[in-house]
Every structure is written in C-alpha cells, then in structure tokens.
Amino acid sequence: MTTRVFAALHVYHDNTAHSAAVNMAIDEALLEPATVSSIRFYRWHSPALSFGYFGRFSDVADCASGRDVVRRWTGGGIVLHGEDLTYGLVIPAGDPAFNQSSALIYERVHRALCEALHATGERAVVAAVCDRRSQVDSAVIDRRYSCFANPVRADVMIGGRKVAGAAQRRTRRGLLQQGSIQGIAFGSGLAKRFAEALSANRTQCETGDQILIRARELAGQKYGTNSWLRKR
C-alpha cells in the first residue's frame, strides 16, 4: 500500500449532471475557500470536450461537433467527456502536500489511482517515460492533440494504453488538479477506492448552496462566455 497523499480529505460524489461550464466553475469555487483538501467526482449533462487554458479554440473546433465545449482553467490538451470518470482535486495552500512539486503531486495521486485499480483487478502502472512535450501539463507546447493519444510521465497506463491523465493550476490559494479516467469499467466502486487510497481520513460532503451560487457566477462571467472560450 502506498503512503497516503493527504492527512484528511473531503470527498464529493456529485451525482447531478452539469454543463461543461458549470463543472469547471464548481472546481474553481471549491478551491477559493478551501482549508482541507478535497476531491469531487462528477458527471456531464451531455457529451463534452474540454481543452487546456493555453489551447487555441481553432484547434478544437473541428472535433467539437455536437459536444458542450469549454476551456479549462488548468493546462493540458483535448479531453472528451461523457463516458469517463472525471474528478477535480483541490489542495489548499495550508495542506503540507501543497509544498510538494506539481510533478510529485501528479505522480503520487496517480500512484494512489493505480492502487485503486489494482484492487479491481486491473494491472495499472504509472508511466515512467516522459513525453518530450511536457512534464506535467502535457500540452502547453502542442495544444491540439488529444491527451489520451499522448501519454506523458506519471500518467496511468494499462497494457500500454493510457487510461488516466490530468492537468493542474497552482495559485497562492492552492492547487487544482483536474483528471479524467477513461476506457475501463467503473462499476466496481473505483471512485470510492481511489478516495480511500488518497487518504485514510475521509469526510463525505455535498456541494452546498454557497458553492453552487459562486459556481453559477463563475460560469456566467467566465467559463460559459464566448470571450473565455475563444480567448486564444
């Protein structure tokens, strides 16, 4: 068993399907007041496409047909959503884990995910070889590619195929990691096992009214606007 990443963790199982803009906004809204690290597993109300903060909208327009498209606050390339298990991980600046490098956090979180996958019978490993494009944000230079077609160091692999990747944003308030797990069966309690591998001290939480109100503000002013979507 790997060493737990967090001394305490709030766990949100958000069973309400949200638009792409609202999902991005909730992740940021959870970071703003956070004093304890948290993970939120969430759903999409329709097939969606998210792309990294540094991406160009023109690069994703051709593969966005019929999907709810949103620019993430985090980096990375193109990710298709709808059948994946998506999560937002928040680490406030007061958590000792925040003092670790972004690359180490990325790797430790994915090692915990591998532990959870092993418990479901999957032979998952953390990728050891780094793609030359980037160590963590996996698409800062080449923003057009699909994240899942191009594994980088510390992504999660099964049988040579990437099944999990993530992108990060670090601020003075804390760190946000947004991740997607794809191409495997989720009916075996993977989200629960993943949270257990991250921390032995977990508290089940619900997104309260204040978080949802703030998220709607962020969606209306930022993530759901054409100016944000076509920022580049």
Foldseek 3Di string as FASTA:
>chain_A
DDDALFAEEEEAEDEDADAPLLVLLLLVLCLPVDPGKYKYKHAHPFKAKEFEQLAALVLCVVVCPPHRYWYHPFHAAIDIHHQKTKMKIWDFPNTPSQPDDPLVVLQLLLVLLCVLVVVVVFNKDFAAAADPPDRARHPNPPHNDYPQVDDGGRFIDGPNGGFKHWTWDQDNGTMMIIMIGDDDDCPPPSSVSSVCSNYVHYDYDYQDPVSSVSSVVCSVVETVDPCNSRVD
